[in-house]
N, C-alpha and C. Protein backbone atom coordinates (compact mmCIF):
# COMPACT_ATOMS: atom_id res chain seq x y z
N MET A 1 81.22 142.46 76.62
CA MET A 1 80.04 141.61 76.83
C MET A 1 80.30 140.74 78.05
N LEU A 2 79.32 140.60 78.91
CA LEU A 2 79.43 139.78 80.12
C LEU A 2 79.44 138.36 79.84
N ASN A 3 80.38 137.60 80.40
CA ASN A 3 80.36 136.18 80.22
C ASN A 3 79.64 135.44 81.30
N ALA A 4 79.32 134.18 81.12
CA ALA A 4 78.55 133.43 82.11
C ALA A 4 79.22 133.35 83.41
N ASP A 5 80.51 133.17 83.48
CA ASP A 5 81.22 133.03 84.77
C ASP A 5 81.13 134.31 85.58
N PHE A 6 81.18 135.49 84.97
CA PHE A 6 81.07 136.74 85.61
C PHE A 6 79.67 136.88 86.20
N ILE A 7 78.66 136.57 85.47
CA ILE A 7 77.32 136.67 85.96
C ILE A 7 77.08 135.70 87.16
N ILE A 8 77.56 134.49 86.98
CA ILE A 8 77.44 133.50 88.10
C ILE A 8 78.12 133.98 89.36
N GLN A 9 79.33 134.56 89.12
CA GLN A 9 80.12 135.03 90.38
C GLN A 9 79.35 136.15 91.05
N LYS A 10 78.73 137.07 90.31
CA LYS A 10 78.02 138.19 90.92
C LYS A 10 76.74 137.63 91.64
N LEU A 11 76.15 136.63 91.09
CA LEU A 11 74.95 136.03 91.67
C LEU A 11 75.34 135.27 92.99
N ILE A 12 76.48 134.62 92.94
CA ILE A 12 76.97 133.93 94.14
C ILE A 12 77.38 134.97 95.20
N SER A 13 77.86 136.16 94.78
CA SER A 13 78.35 137.14 95.71
C SER A 13 77.21 137.66 96.61
N ILE A 14 75.97 137.62 96.13
CA ILE A 14 74.89 138.26 96.86
C ILE A 14 74.77 137.59 98.19
N PRO A 15 74.53 136.21 98.27
CA PRO A 15 74.43 135.60 99.60
C PRO A 15 75.72 135.74 100.41
N LEU A 16 76.85 135.76 99.77
CA LEU A 16 78.12 135.83 100.54
C LEU A 16 78.22 137.21 101.20
N ILE A 17 77.77 138.28 100.49
CA ILE A 17 77.76 139.60 101.05
C ILE A 17 76.79 139.69 102.20
N LEU A 18 75.59 138.97 102.10
CA LEU A 18 74.67 138.97 103.15
C LEU A 18 75.20 138.27 104.42
N ILE A 19 75.99 137.16 104.20
CA ILE A 19 76.63 136.50 105.36
C ILE A 19 77.51 137.51 106.08
N ALA A 20 78.39 138.19 105.32
CA ALA A 20 79.27 139.14 105.93
C ALA A 20 78.60 140.30 106.68
N LEU A 21 77.53 140.78 106.06
CA LEU A 21 76.82 141.93 106.67
C LEU A 21 76.08 141.44 107.90
N VAL A 22 75.36 140.33 107.81
CA VAL A 22 74.51 139.87 108.92
C VAL A 22 75.43 139.44 110.08
N GLY A 23 76.50 138.77 109.79
CA GLY A 23 77.40 138.33 110.88
C GLY A 23 78.00 139.56 111.63
N HIS A 24 78.35 140.55 110.88
CA HIS A 24 78.92 141.78 111.40
C HIS A 24 77.90 142.45 112.37
N GLU A 25 76.68 142.60 111.99
CA GLU A 25 75.65 143.26 112.73
C GLU A 25 75.22 142.45 113.94
N LEU A 26 75.16 141.14 113.74
CA LEU A 26 74.81 140.24 114.90
C LEU A 26 75.83 140.36 116.00
N ALA A 27 77.11 140.45 115.56
CA ALA A 27 78.18 140.61 116.56
C ALA A 27 77.97 141.87 117.41
N HIS A 28 77.68 142.95 116.71
CA HIS A 28 77.39 144.22 117.45
C HIS A 28 76.17 144.03 118.40
N GLY A 29 75.18 143.38 117.93
CA GLY A 29 74.01 143.26 118.76
C GLY A 29 74.17 142.39 119.90
N TYR A 30 74.81 141.21 119.77
CA TYR A 30 75.05 140.30 120.83
C TYR A 30 75.98 140.82 121.91
N VAL A 31 77.00 141.55 121.48
CA VAL A 31 77.99 142.05 122.47
C VAL A 31 77.26 143.16 123.28
N SER A 32 76.49 144.00 122.67
CA SER A 32 75.83 145.06 123.33
C SER A 32 74.78 144.43 124.34
N THR A 33 74.13 143.35 123.86
CA THR A 33 73.21 142.67 124.83
C THR A 33 73.99 142.04 125.99
N TRP A 34 75.15 141.45 125.71
CA TRP A 34 76.00 140.86 126.69
C TRP A 34 76.39 141.90 127.74
N LEU A 35 76.51 143.17 127.30
CA LEU A 35 76.93 144.24 128.23
C LEU A 35 75.73 144.76 128.97
N GLY A 36 74.51 144.23 128.79
CA GLY A 36 73.35 144.65 129.55
C GLY A 36 72.39 145.53 128.78
N ASP A 37 72.55 145.76 127.54
CA ASP A 37 71.74 146.61 126.73
C ASP A 37 70.59 145.84 126.04
N PRO A 38 69.31 146.08 126.37
CA PRO A 38 68.25 145.38 125.71
C PRO A 38 67.76 145.94 124.35
N THR A 39 68.39 147.00 123.96
CA THR A 39 67.94 147.73 122.77
C THR A 39 68.07 146.87 121.47
N PRO A 40 69.22 146.18 121.20
CA PRO A 40 69.24 145.46 119.94
C PRO A 40 68.13 144.39 119.85
N LYS A 41 67.83 143.75 120.90
CA LYS A 41 66.74 142.75 120.91
C LYS A 41 65.38 143.44 120.61
N ALA A 42 65.18 144.57 121.29
CA ALA A 42 63.96 145.28 121.16
C ALA A 42 63.69 145.75 119.72
N TYR A 43 64.80 146.07 119.02
CA TYR A 43 64.67 146.49 117.65
C TYR A 43 64.83 145.36 116.64
N GLY A 44 64.81 144.13 117.10
CA GLY A 44 64.89 143.00 116.19
C GLY A 44 66.24 142.78 115.51
N ARG A 45 67.35 143.27 116.16
CA ARG A 45 68.64 143.11 115.52
C ARG A 45 69.44 141.96 115.98
N LEU A 46 68.81 141.01 116.62
CA LEU A 46 69.45 139.77 116.92
C LEU A 46 68.91 138.68 115.97
N SER A 47 68.27 139.12 114.96
CA SER A 47 67.67 138.20 113.96
C SER A 47 68.65 137.80 112.82
N LEU A 48 68.48 136.59 112.29
CA LEU A 48 69.26 136.17 111.12
C LEU A 48 68.66 136.62 109.84
N ASN A 49 67.52 137.31 109.92
CA ASN A 49 66.86 137.81 108.73
C ASN A 49 67.66 138.98 108.14
N PRO A 50 68.22 138.80 106.93
CA PRO A 50 69.04 139.90 106.35
C PRO A 50 68.31 141.18 106.18
N LEU A 51 67.02 141.17 106.05
CA LEU A 51 66.22 142.39 105.81
C LEU A 51 66.29 143.31 107.11
N GLN A 52 66.58 142.72 108.20
CA GLN A 52 66.72 143.54 109.44
C GLN A 52 68.01 144.32 109.47
N HIS A 53 69.04 143.90 108.64
CA HIS A 53 70.28 144.43 108.82
C HIS A 53 70.83 145.23 107.54
N ILE A 54 70.14 145.05 106.42
CA ILE A 54 70.75 145.60 105.17
C ILE A 54 70.49 147.12 105.03
N ASP A 55 71.49 147.80 104.68
CA ASP A 55 71.42 149.17 104.18
C ASP A 55 71.59 149.03 102.68
N PRO A 56 70.57 149.36 101.84
CA PRO A 56 70.60 149.13 100.42
C PRO A 56 71.89 149.74 99.68
N ILE A 57 72.22 150.95 100.12
CA ILE A 57 73.37 151.61 99.44
C ILE A 57 74.64 150.91 99.86
N GLY A 58 74.79 150.59 101.10
CA GLY A 58 76.03 149.94 101.59
C GLY A 58 76.16 148.56 100.99
N ALA A 59 75.09 147.83 100.83
CA ALA A 59 75.12 146.47 100.27
C ALA A 59 75.45 146.56 98.75
N LEU A 60 74.87 147.53 98.05
CA LEU A 60 75.15 147.77 96.66
C LEU A 60 76.62 148.04 96.41
N LEU A 61 77.16 148.91 97.29
CA LEU A 61 78.54 149.29 97.15
C LEU A 61 79.47 148.07 97.35
N MET A 62 79.06 147.14 98.32
CA MET A 62 79.85 145.97 98.54
C MET A 62 79.92 145.14 97.24
N LEU A 63 78.73 145.05 96.57
CA LEU A 63 78.72 144.29 95.33
C LEU A 63 79.46 144.89 94.21
N ILE A 64 79.43 146.19 94.11
CA ILE A 64 80.05 146.95 92.99
C ILE A 64 81.52 147.27 93.25
N ALA A 65 81.76 147.92 94.43
CA ALA A 65 83.03 148.53 94.70
C ALA A 65 83.89 147.63 95.61
N GLY A 66 83.28 146.68 96.31
CA GLY A 66 84.02 145.80 97.22
C GLY A 66 84.09 146.29 98.62
N PHE A 67 83.44 147.43 98.97
CA PHE A 67 83.37 147.82 100.41
C PHE A 67 82.01 148.42 100.59
N GLY A 68 81.60 148.47 101.86
CA GLY A 68 80.31 149.07 102.15
C GLY A 68 79.96 148.86 103.61
N TRP A 69 78.68 149.01 103.94
CA TRP A 69 78.23 149.00 105.32
C TRP A 69 76.83 148.42 105.47
N ALA A 70 76.40 148.10 106.63
CA ALA A 70 75.05 147.69 106.86
C ALA A 70 74.27 148.73 107.66
N LYS A 71 73.00 148.47 108.00
CA LYS A 71 72.21 149.37 108.77
C LYS A 71 72.74 149.31 110.25
N PRO A 72 73.14 150.48 110.78
CA PRO A 72 73.70 150.45 112.15
C PRO A 72 72.75 149.82 113.23
N VAL A 73 73.28 149.09 114.13
CA VAL A 73 72.52 148.51 115.21
C VAL A 73 72.23 149.58 116.22
N MET A 74 70.96 149.72 116.58
CA MET A 74 70.65 150.66 117.68
C MET A 74 71.09 150.11 119.01
N ILE A 75 71.87 150.91 119.72
CA ILE A 75 72.40 150.55 121.06
C ILE A 75 72.16 151.74 121.98
N ASN A 76 72.16 151.45 123.31
CA ASN A 76 72.05 152.46 124.29
C ASN A 76 73.21 152.27 125.29
N PRO A 77 74.29 153.05 125.12
CA PRO A 77 75.44 152.86 125.93
C PRO A 77 75.23 153.20 127.42
N GLN A 78 74.04 153.79 127.75
CA GLN A 78 73.71 154.09 129.15
C GLN A 78 73.71 152.80 130.02
N TYR A 79 73.46 151.71 129.38
CA TYR A 79 73.36 150.46 130.05
C TYR A 79 74.74 149.86 130.42
N TYR A 80 75.81 150.36 129.73
CA TYR A 80 77.15 149.84 129.96
C TYR A 80 77.73 150.43 131.30
N LYS A 81 78.53 149.62 131.96
CA LYS A 81 79.24 150.09 133.11
C LYS A 81 80.18 151.22 132.84
N ASN A 82 80.90 151.05 131.62
CA ASN A 82 81.73 152.13 131.14
C ASN A 82 81.33 152.45 129.66
N ARG A 83 80.76 153.65 129.53
CA ARG A 83 80.10 154.02 128.28
C ARG A 83 81.04 154.01 127.08
N LYS A 84 82.23 154.59 127.33
CA LYS A 84 83.21 154.71 126.23
C LYS A 84 83.77 153.37 125.80
N TRP A 85 84.27 152.59 126.77
CA TRP A 85 84.81 151.32 126.45
C TRP A 85 83.83 150.26 126.09
N GLY A 86 82.62 150.36 126.61
CA GLY A 86 81.54 149.45 126.18
C GLY A 86 81.21 149.72 124.74
N THR A 87 81.06 150.96 124.33
CA THR A 87 80.78 151.37 122.90
C THR A 87 81.87 150.90 121.98
N ALA A 88 83.15 151.03 122.49
CA ALA A 88 84.31 150.66 121.65
C ALA A 88 84.33 149.10 121.46
N LEU A 89 83.99 148.35 122.59
CA LEU A 89 83.94 146.95 122.46
C LEU A 89 82.81 146.39 121.52
N VAL A 90 81.63 147.05 121.57
CA VAL A 90 80.56 146.68 120.67
C VAL A 90 80.98 147.02 119.20
N ALA A 91 81.69 148.10 118.99
CA ALA A 91 82.10 148.52 117.62
C ALA A 91 83.13 147.54 117.06
N LEU A 92 84.07 147.16 117.99
CA LEU A 92 85.13 146.25 117.49
C LEU A 92 84.63 144.87 117.24
N ALA A 93 83.53 144.48 117.87
CA ALA A 93 82.95 143.10 117.71
C ALA A 93 82.56 142.86 116.19
N GLY A 94 82.12 143.89 115.53
CA GLY A 94 81.68 143.66 114.06
C GLY A 94 82.93 143.31 113.20
N PRO A 95 83.93 144.12 113.13
CA PRO A 95 85.11 143.79 112.38
C PRO A 95 85.77 142.47 112.77
N LEU A 96 85.82 142.21 114.10
CA LEU A 96 86.40 140.93 114.55
C LEU A 96 85.61 139.78 114.04
N SER A 97 84.32 139.83 113.97
CA SER A 97 83.45 138.76 113.50
C SER A 97 83.73 138.60 112.00
N ASN A 98 83.94 139.61 111.27
CA ASN A 98 84.33 139.42 109.88
C ASN A 98 85.64 138.73 109.63
N LEU A 99 86.65 139.07 110.49
CA LEU A 99 87.86 138.40 110.50
C LEU A 99 87.77 136.91 110.78
N CYS A 100 86.94 136.58 111.78
CA CYS A 100 86.65 135.19 112.14
C CYS A 100 86.00 134.46 110.95
N MET A 101 85.02 135.09 110.35
CA MET A 101 84.28 134.40 109.22
C MET A 101 85.24 134.19 108.03
N ALA A 102 86.13 135.16 107.77
CA ALA A 102 87.09 134.99 106.72
C ALA A 102 88.03 133.77 107.00
N PHE A 103 88.50 133.72 108.22
CA PHE A 103 89.37 132.59 108.66
C PHE A 103 88.69 131.26 108.55
N ILE A 104 87.44 131.19 108.98
CA ILE A 104 86.67 129.96 108.98
C ILE A 104 86.38 129.47 107.47
N SER A 105 86.06 130.47 106.65
CA SER A 105 85.72 130.05 105.23
C SER A 105 86.89 129.46 104.55
N LEU A 106 88.14 130.09 104.77
CA LEU A 106 89.34 129.51 104.17
C LEU A 106 89.78 128.22 104.84
N LEU A 107 89.53 128.10 106.14
CA LEU A 107 89.87 126.88 106.89
C LEU A 107 89.05 125.72 106.39
N LEU A 108 87.78 125.91 106.22
CA LEU A 108 86.89 124.85 105.68
C LEU A 108 87.30 124.40 104.30
N TYR A 109 87.69 125.41 103.46
CA TYR A 109 88.12 125.07 102.08
C TYR A 109 89.40 124.26 102.15
N VAL A 110 90.39 124.66 103.01
CA VAL A 110 91.62 123.92 103.08
C VAL A 110 91.36 122.53 103.64
N ILE A 111 90.48 122.35 104.63
CA ILE A 111 90.16 121.03 105.16
C ILE A 111 89.51 120.16 104.05
N PHE A 112 88.61 120.76 103.30
CA PHE A 112 87.93 120.01 102.17
C PHE A 112 89.05 119.57 101.16
N CYS A 113 89.94 120.46 100.84
CA CYS A 113 90.98 120.02 99.88
C CYS A 113 91.87 118.95 100.44
N THR A 114 92.24 119.05 101.71
CA THR A 114 93.14 118.10 102.35
C THR A 114 92.47 116.75 102.44
N VAL A 115 91.21 116.65 102.93
CA VAL A 115 90.50 115.44 103.07
C VAL A 115 90.35 114.72 101.67
N CYS A 116 89.99 115.52 100.68
CA CYS A 116 89.87 114.96 99.31
C CYS A 116 91.18 114.39 98.75
N ALA A 117 92.25 115.13 99.06
CA ALA A 117 93.56 114.70 98.57
C ALA A 117 93.96 113.41 99.37
N LYS A 118 93.76 113.42 100.66
CA LYS A 118 94.14 112.21 101.49
C LYS A 118 93.33 110.96 101.07
N ALA A 119 92.08 111.22 100.64
CA ALA A 119 91.24 110.13 100.26
C ALA A 119 91.44 109.70 98.80
N GLY A 120 92.27 110.43 98.13
CA GLY A 120 92.59 110.13 96.68
C GLY A 120 91.53 110.43 95.68
N ILE A 121 90.58 111.35 96.06
CA ILE A 121 89.49 111.61 95.16
C ILE A 121 89.61 113.00 94.58
N TRP A 122 90.62 113.81 94.94
CA TRP A 122 90.70 115.20 94.45
C TRP A 122 90.75 115.20 92.93
N SER A 123 91.58 114.29 92.38
CA SER A 123 91.77 114.32 90.92
C SER A 123 90.48 113.81 90.17
N LYS A 124 89.60 113.20 90.93
CA LYS A 124 88.42 112.70 90.32
C LYS A 124 87.23 113.61 90.39
N LEU A 125 87.40 114.75 91.13
CA LEU A 125 86.29 115.72 91.25
C LEU A 125 86.14 116.47 89.96
N PRO A 126 84.92 116.86 89.61
CA PRO A 126 84.71 117.68 88.40
C PRO A 126 85.40 119.04 88.53
N ASP A 127 85.88 119.53 87.42
CA ASP A 127 86.60 120.80 87.46
C ASP A 127 85.78 121.90 88.07
N ALA A 128 84.40 121.87 87.75
CA ALA A 128 83.53 122.93 88.28
C ALA A 128 83.55 122.94 89.80
N VAL A 129 83.56 121.77 90.44
CA VAL A 129 83.58 121.67 91.91
C VAL A 129 84.88 122.25 92.45
N ILE A 130 85.99 121.86 91.84
CA ILE A 130 87.30 122.39 92.27
C ILE A 130 87.39 123.93 92.17
N ASP A 131 86.96 124.42 90.92
CA ASP A 131 87.02 125.84 90.64
C ASP A 131 86.15 126.70 91.56
N TRP A 132 84.84 126.22 91.67
CA TRP A 132 83.88 127.07 92.38
C TRP A 132 84.00 126.94 93.92
N SER A 133 84.49 125.84 94.39
CA SER A 133 84.68 125.73 95.82
C SER A 133 85.69 126.75 96.32
N GLY A 134 86.81 126.84 95.50
CA GLY A 134 87.92 127.76 95.89
C GLY A 134 87.39 129.21 95.67
N THR A 135 86.63 129.42 94.60
CA THR A 135 86.13 130.76 94.31
C THR A 135 85.16 131.29 95.45
N ILE A 136 84.28 130.42 95.89
CA ILE A 136 83.35 130.79 96.94
C ILE A 136 84.06 131.09 98.28
N ALA A 137 84.98 130.19 98.53
CA ALA A 137 85.78 130.44 99.86
C ALA A 137 86.52 131.71 99.79
N ILE A 138 87.25 131.98 98.77
CA ILE A 138 87.97 133.24 98.68
C ILE A 138 87.12 134.45 98.55
N LEU A 139 85.97 134.38 97.84
CA LEU A 139 85.12 135.53 97.79
C LEU A 139 84.55 135.77 99.17
N LEU A 140 84.11 134.82 99.85
CA LEU A 140 83.49 135.00 101.20
C LEU A 140 84.54 135.63 102.13
N ALA A 141 85.78 135.13 102.13
CA ALA A 141 86.83 135.65 102.92
C ALA A 141 87.06 137.09 102.51
N SER A 142 87.19 137.38 101.26
CA SER A 142 87.55 138.74 100.71
C SER A 142 86.45 139.74 101.09
N TYR A 143 85.21 139.28 100.97
CA TYR A 143 84.16 140.31 101.33
C TYR A 143 84.18 140.60 102.84
N ASN A 144 84.42 139.53 103.62
CA ASN A 144 84.52 139.78 105.05
C ASN A 144 85.72 140.65 105.43
N LEU A 145 86.86 140.42 104.86
CA LEU A 145 88.00 141.23 105.08
C LEU A 145 87.80 142.67 104.58
N SER A 146 87.16 142.85 103.48
CA SER A 146 86.94 144.16 102.96
C SER A 146 85.98 144.94 103.92
N PHE A 147 84.94 144.25 104.35
CA PHE A 147 83.96 144.91 105.28
C PHE A 147 84.66 145.28 106.63
N MET A 148 85.58 144.32 107.04
CA MET A 148 86.31 144.62 108.26
C MET A 148 87.23 145.86 108.12
N LEU A 149 88.02 145.95 107.07
CA LEU A 149 88.94 146.96 106.83
C LEU A 149 88.27 148.32 106.68
N PHE A 150 87.21 148.31 105.86
CA PHE A 150 86.45 149.58 105.63
C PHE A 150 85.86 150.11 106.93
N ASN A 151 85.25 149.23 107.66
CA ASN A 151 84.57 149.73 108.87
C ASN A 151 85.58 150.14 109.96
N LEU A 152 86.83 149.70 109.87
CA LEU A 152 87.82 150.13 110.86
C LEU A 152 88.38 151.53 110.60
N ILE A 153 88.05 152.14 109.40
CA ILE A 153 88.45 153.53 109.16
C ILE A 153 87.88 154.40 110.26
N PRO A 154 88.75 155.22 110.95
CA PRO A 154 88.29 155.99 112.06
C PRO A 154 87.52 157.29 111.76
N ILE A 155 86.50 157.11 110.86
CA ILE A 155 85.64 158.23 110.53
C ILE A 155 84.21 157.89 110.97
N PRO A 156 83.57 158.75 111.78
CA PRO A 156 82.18 158.43 112.15
C PRO A 156 81.29 158.40 110.89
N PRO A 157 80.32 157.52 110.83
CA PRO A 157 79.86 156.65 111.93
C PRO A 157 80.46 155.25 111.90
N LEU A 158 81.60 155.02 111.19
CA LEU A 158 82.18 153.67 111.04
C LEU A 158 82.73 153.21 112.43
N ASP A 159 82.85 151.93 112.51
CA ASP A 159 83.25 151.30 113.79
C ASP A 159 84.64 151.85 114.35
N GLY A 160 85.56 152.13 113.35
CA GLY A 160 86.84 152.60 113.71
C GLY A 160 86.77 153.85 114.59
N SER A 161 85.81 154.74 114.32
CA SER A 161 85.74 155.98 115.04
C SER A 161 85.32 155.65 116.52
N LYS A 162 84.53 154.63 116.70
CA LYS A 162 84.15 154.30 118.13
C LYS A 162 85.29 153.75 118.92
N VAL A 163 86.13 152.98 118.23
CA VAL A 163 87.35 152.43 118.83
C VAL A 163 88.33 153.54 119.14
N LEU A 164 88.49 154.43 118.23
CA LEU A 164 89.32 155.60 118.37
C LEU A 164 88.86 156.45 119.53
N GLY A 165 87.50 156.62 119.62
CA GLY A 165 86.89 157.49 120.56
C GLY A 165 87.24 157.08 122.00
N ALA A 166 87.40 155.73 122.22
CA ALA A 166 87.69 155.26 123.59
C ALA A 166 89.09 155.67 124.03
N LEU A 167 89.86 156.08 123.10
CA LEU A 167 91.24 156.56 123.47
C LEU A 167 91.36 158.11 123.57
N LEU A 168 90.27 158.76 123.22
CA LEU A 168 90.27 160.24 123.26
C LEU A 168 89.85 160.72 124.59
N PRO A 169 90.23 161.92 124.93
CA PRO A 169 89.72 162.54 126.28
C PRO A 169 88.20 162.70 126.23
N ASP A 170 87.59 162.55 127.35
CA ASP A 170 86.13 162.62 127.42
C ASP A 170 85.56 163.88 126.73
N ARG A 171 86.19 165.01 126.90
CA ARG A 171 85.70 166.27 126.28
C ARG A 171 85.60 166.16 124.78
N VAL A 172 86.60 165.62 124.19
CA VAL A 172 86.70 165.43 122.77
C VAL A 172 85.72 164.37 122.29
N TYR A 173 85.68 163.26 123.02
CA TYR A 173 84.81 162.16 122.70
C TYR A 173 83.33 162.57 122.60
N TYR A 174 82.88 163.20 123.69
CA TYR A 174 81.43 163.61 123.75
C TYR A 174 81.11 164.64 122.75
N LYS A 175 82.03 165.52 122.43
CA LYS A 175 81.81 166.60 121.43
C LYS A 175 81.69 165.93 120.06
N MET A 176 82.51 164.85 119.80
CA MET A 176 82.43 164.16 118.58
C MET A 176 81.07 163.45 118.39
N LEU A 177 80.53 162.94 119.49
CA LEU A 177 79.18 162.27 119.45
C LEU A 177 78.11 163.30 119.16
N ASN A 178 78.20 164.55 119.61
CA ASN A 178 77.22 165.55 119.38
C ASN A 178 77.05 165.83 117.90
N TYR A 179 78.10 165.65 117.10
CA TYR A 179 78.04 165.99 115.72
C TYR A 179 77.99 164.74 114.76
N GLU A 180 77.76 163.58 115.40
CA GLU A 180 77.83 162.39 114.68
C GLU A 180 76.82 162.27 113.51
N ARG A 181 75.65 162.88 113.71
CA ARG A 181 74.63 162.79 112.64
C ARG A 181 75.00 163.51 111.33
N TYR A 182 76.01 164.44 111.45
CA TYR A 182 76.46 165.13 110.24
C TYR A 182 77.58 164.37 109.52
N TYR A 183 78.19 163.43 110.22
CA TYR A 183 79.35 162.74 109.61
C TYR A 183 78.98 161.81 108.49
N THR A 184 77.73 161.39 108.43
CA THR A 184 77.33 160.46 107.39
C THR A 184 77.47 161.15 106.04
N LEU A 185 77.04 162.36 105.93
CA LEU A 185 77.13 163.16 104.70
C LEU A 185 78.63 163.32 104.36
N ILE A 186 79.39 163.62 105.36
CA ILE A 186 80.85 163.78 105.09
C ILE A 186 81.48 162.44 104.59
N LEU A 187 81.02 161.33 105.21
CA LEU A 187 81.54 160.04 104.81
C LEU A 187 81.21 159.78 103.31
N PHE A 188 79.98 160.10 102.88
CA PHE A 188 79.62 159.90 101.44
C PHE A 188 80.54 160.69 100.57
N ILE A 189 80.77 161.98 100.96
CA ILE A 189 81.61 162.83 100.10
C ILE A 189 83.03 162.26 100.10
N LEU A 190 83.50 161.83 101.25
CA LEU A 190 84.86 161.30 101.22
C LEU A 190 84.96 160.00 100.42
N ILE A 191 83.99 159.11 100.48
CA ILE A 191 84.01 157.89 99.65
C ILE A 191 84.10 158.23 98.21
N PHE A 192 83.28 159.19 97.77
CA PHE A 192 83.29 159.62 96.38
C PHE A 192 84.62 160.20 95.96
N VAL A 193 85.21 161.06 96.77
CA VAL A 193 86.45 161.76 96.38
C VAL A 193 87.58 160.74 96.44
N LEU A 194 87.67 159.95 97.58
CA LEU A 194 88.81 158.98 97.75
C LEU A 194 88.79 157.88 96.69
N SER A 195 87.58 157.43 96.33
CA SER A 195 87.46 156.39 95.34
C SER A 195 87.94 156.84 93.97
N ARG A 196 87.73 158.16 93.64
CA ARG A 196 88.11 158.72 92.46
C ARG A 196 89.66 158.82 92.28
N ILE A 197 90.28 158.94 93.35
CA ILE A 197 91.76 159.04 93.34
C ILE A 197 92.49 157.77 93.72
N GLY A 198 91.71 156.70 93.87
CA GLY A 198 92.34 155.42 94.19
C GLY A 198 92.81 155.23 95.56
N ALA A 199 92.30 156.06 96.50
CA ALA A 199 92.77 155.96 97.84
C ALA A 199 92.28 154.77 98.64
N PHE A 200 91.36 154.04 98.05
CA PHE A 200 90.91 152.85 98.76
C PHE A 200 91.69 151.55 98.34
N ASN A 201 92.80 151.78 97.70
CA ASN A 201 93.68 150.65 97.29
C ASN A 201 94.17 149.86 98.49
N PHE A 202 94.22 150.59 99.69
CA PHE A 202 94.78 149.91 100.87
C PHE A 202 93.87 148.75 101.28
N ILE A 203 92.57 148.81 100.92
CA ILE A 203 91.61 147.71 101.24
C ILE A 203 92.07 146.50 100.41
N ASP A 204 92.34 146.63 99.14
CA ASP A 204 92.77 145.48 98.35
C ASP A 204 94.10 144.93 98.86
N LYS A 205 95.04 145.86 99.28
CA LYS A 205 96.29 145.38 99.81
C LYS A 205 96.15 144.65 101.16
N GLY A 206 95.25 145.17 101.94
CA GLY A 206 94.93 144.56 103.25
C GLY A 206 94.32 143.15 103.06
N ILE A 207 93.37 143.06 102.10
CA ILE A 207 92.77 141.74 101.80
C ILE A 207 93.85 140.73 101.39
N SER A 208 94.73 141.11 100.53
CA SER A 208 95.80 140.24 100.06
C SER A 208 96.69 139.85 101.19
N PHE A 209 97.03 140.86 102.10
CA PHE A 209 97.88 140.56 103.25
C PHE A 209 97.25 139.42 104.15
N PHE A 210 96.00 139.61 104.43
CA PHE A 210 95.32 138.61 105.30
C PHE A 210 95.16 137.31 104.57
N LEU A 211 94.79 137.26 103.31
CA LEU A 211 94.63 136.07 102.61
C LEU A 211 95.96 135.21 102.57
N TYR A 212 97.07 135.90 102.18
CA TYR A 212 98.32 135.26 102.19
C TYR A 212 98.75 134.76 103.53
N GLY A 213 98.48 135.57 104.54
CA GLY A 213 98.85 135.18 105.88
C GLY A 213 98.08 133.94 106.35
N MET A 214 96.80 133.90 106.10
CA MET A 214 96.01 132.80 106.47
C MET A 214 96.41 131.50 105.73
N PHE A 215 96.60 131.67 104.41
CA PHE A 215 97.04 130.44 103.66
C PHE A 215 98.38 129.99 104.07
N GLY A 216 99.23 130.94 104.44
CA GLY A 216 100.57 130.56 104.93
C GLY A 216 100.47 129.85 106.28
N LEU A 217 99.55 130.25 107.12
CA LEU A 217 99.36 129.51 108.37
C LEU A 217 98.79 128.12 108.10
N PHE A 218 97.88 128.03 107.22
CA PHE A 218 97.27 126.69 106.90
C PHE A 218 98.33 125.78 106.32
N ASP A 219 99.22 126.35 105.52
CA ASP A 219 100.27 125.57 104.87
C ASP A 219 101.19 124.98 105.95
N ILE A 220 101.45 125.70 106.96
CA ILE A 220 102.32 125.19 108.10
C ILE A 220 101.53 124.09 108.82
N ILE A 221 100.24 124.32 109.13
CA ILE A 221 99.49 123.40 109.87
C ILE A 221 99.20 122.11 109.11
N PHE A 222 98.84 122.19 107.85
CA PHE A 222 98.43 121.08 107.11
C PHE A 222 99.52 120.40 106.25
């Protein structure tokens, strides 16, 4: 039977997932625009409106399985001075934005705890404030890290494939692009198979690695 805390956590997770998804896609759009491409703006992908960025299946997977994707930002690499490296930079911007948002969410939580402790009011705060402030910060960081790690998998159409593509010979790179529309089906099949055998455990381990690393850094600073 579902308890109240579980239901509340899932409800809180919805806006946190939207923050991770929208931030990721905005980073793609703004970097592509910075490189001279008007396409993201033309398709409304520089908007803060989550409806412009959500892929229903990818968002649902984020809520249920802890990893997923958003609706890809339309870009036109022909506007870039270097098509391969411009595409790679745009692709990398998304995961890097998630890493930054994870860092900021934990940093704000640590600052909140530190200020309250220095002011002598930490022990006077309601238990619900203490518990849920930490839960929200860690959930937001975890969703961002999960989104970052999953999208860095070098399988088209995920961002990692674009970064890897910049390192491949032109002949291989452009041949890979020609078949990109077929990779989505392959990706769905791989997600199903790999999730059944627990192959996505590396995402949980990666999240733990970054969380411990960030908290360790904050412990040194504060």
